[in-house]
Amino acid sequence: MERVSSKEKIAITVVGPEAPLADGMVDAFQAAELKIFGPTQKAAQLEISKNFSKAFMQRHNIPTADYATFSDPAEAHKYLDLKGAPIVIKADGLAAGKGVVVAMTIEQAHAAVDAMLVDKNMGSAGAKIVIEEFLQGEEVSFMVMVDGHHALPLATSQDHKRLLDGDQGPNTGGMGAYSPIRLVTPGHHAKIMREIINPVIRGMEQENTHYVGFLYAGLMISPNSEIRVLEFNCRMGDPETQPIMLRLRSDLLTHIEQALNGTLDKAEIEWDRRVSLGIIMAAQGYPSSPRKNDVIHGLDALKTQQKTDPDFYVFHSGTRMGGKDNKEIITAGGRVLCVTALGDNVKIAQQNAYKIADQIKFDDAQMRSDIGYRSIVNTP
């Protein structure tokens, strides 16, 4: 990849997925003296290994759930019997957003341990597991850009992890999101920066690693406003990024250059005041065994509509060219599209996004009908 970047005279490379970070892509580009925005392989351990992340947070007094790590199924089962349910079981390694089981019963917890450590359904990612305390409250996503010393907060957002309405069904990589989230007050924002984000940056420096790139903190805010870290990602979160990007009014490339130059403390980021809401359209069978190669209809008409209506955008994820004469857009992954729209409040943004999504058709598409419902229900 670094040879291609050099040959094509690419000015800046931005790493999106987690796998290239785990493979050391940033290290290779830096060794070739090519500009790249993302954390090194060492820094990306925050996402690559759940065990590393938990131990790092423990070392630097970053609030998170109590945990223990296991590779022996018998020891893991003993721990479960001691702790009881509800409890959370996580594959230590990268599992494309599907390595977390929130077990509400002890039977579900034991089954999850066997699936990962005995049946090895997560492969090497599940060769080691983290079992952690179940936290109650509301999940929020908090993303920042980091230049090694300073952090520039992005807009807040809330993801919807479960496949079905009302947060039912299996965990997924995310079925939709909206931004901003009123639950994160100015006081919460300051606390997150003070007790979570800045300690990560300082902790990395103390361990001789400069963290440069996007940093995503998945957080739980309890009913009494206690904030603890559920997970870190070393990239922008999907599908939170899509609503956030639709609201961004300043130039992202400028902010990336500031991050690479170490001047994020001088950055001024601008946002559309409106709410943005994104809906995932997923393939039949997602998340366990998504079907591919279904033809997607309705995108051409929306492309024409978008020329006069800039307040929505259809982000492609699991798509490719195929079908008749290789000229049709077909499904090529689990989460196929993210249909995102703006509105003056969550309810209007929701209505606008579903109005667009209803114009897109492919066989047996899966789509929640309640993205943003928590904010709507809690609106006075």
Foldseek 3Di string as FASTA:
>chain_A
DLVVCVVVVPQEAEDADLVCQCVFVVVVNVVVVHHYFFFGNVLQLLAFFVVVVVVLCVVLVFFAFDKDKDLDLVVQLVVCVVVFDQKKKAQGGDQQQQRIDRDHGSVSVSVSSCVCNPVVPSPPSSSMMMITDDDDAFKKKWKWFAQLQDTHTFWIKHFQQAQEPPNDHGGALTFKMKTDDPVCDPVNVVCCVVRPVNSSSVSCVVVVTRGGHMKMFIWGQHPVRDIHTPGIGRHDRPPVVVQRVLFWDDDPVVCSVCSNVVNNVPDDTDTRLWMKMKGWWFAPPPPPDGDWDWFKPQPVVVVVVCVVPVFKDKAADQWAQDDDVSHTIIGHDTGGIIIMGTDRYLVRRLVVSVVSVVRMDTPPIRIYSQHPVVVVVPDD
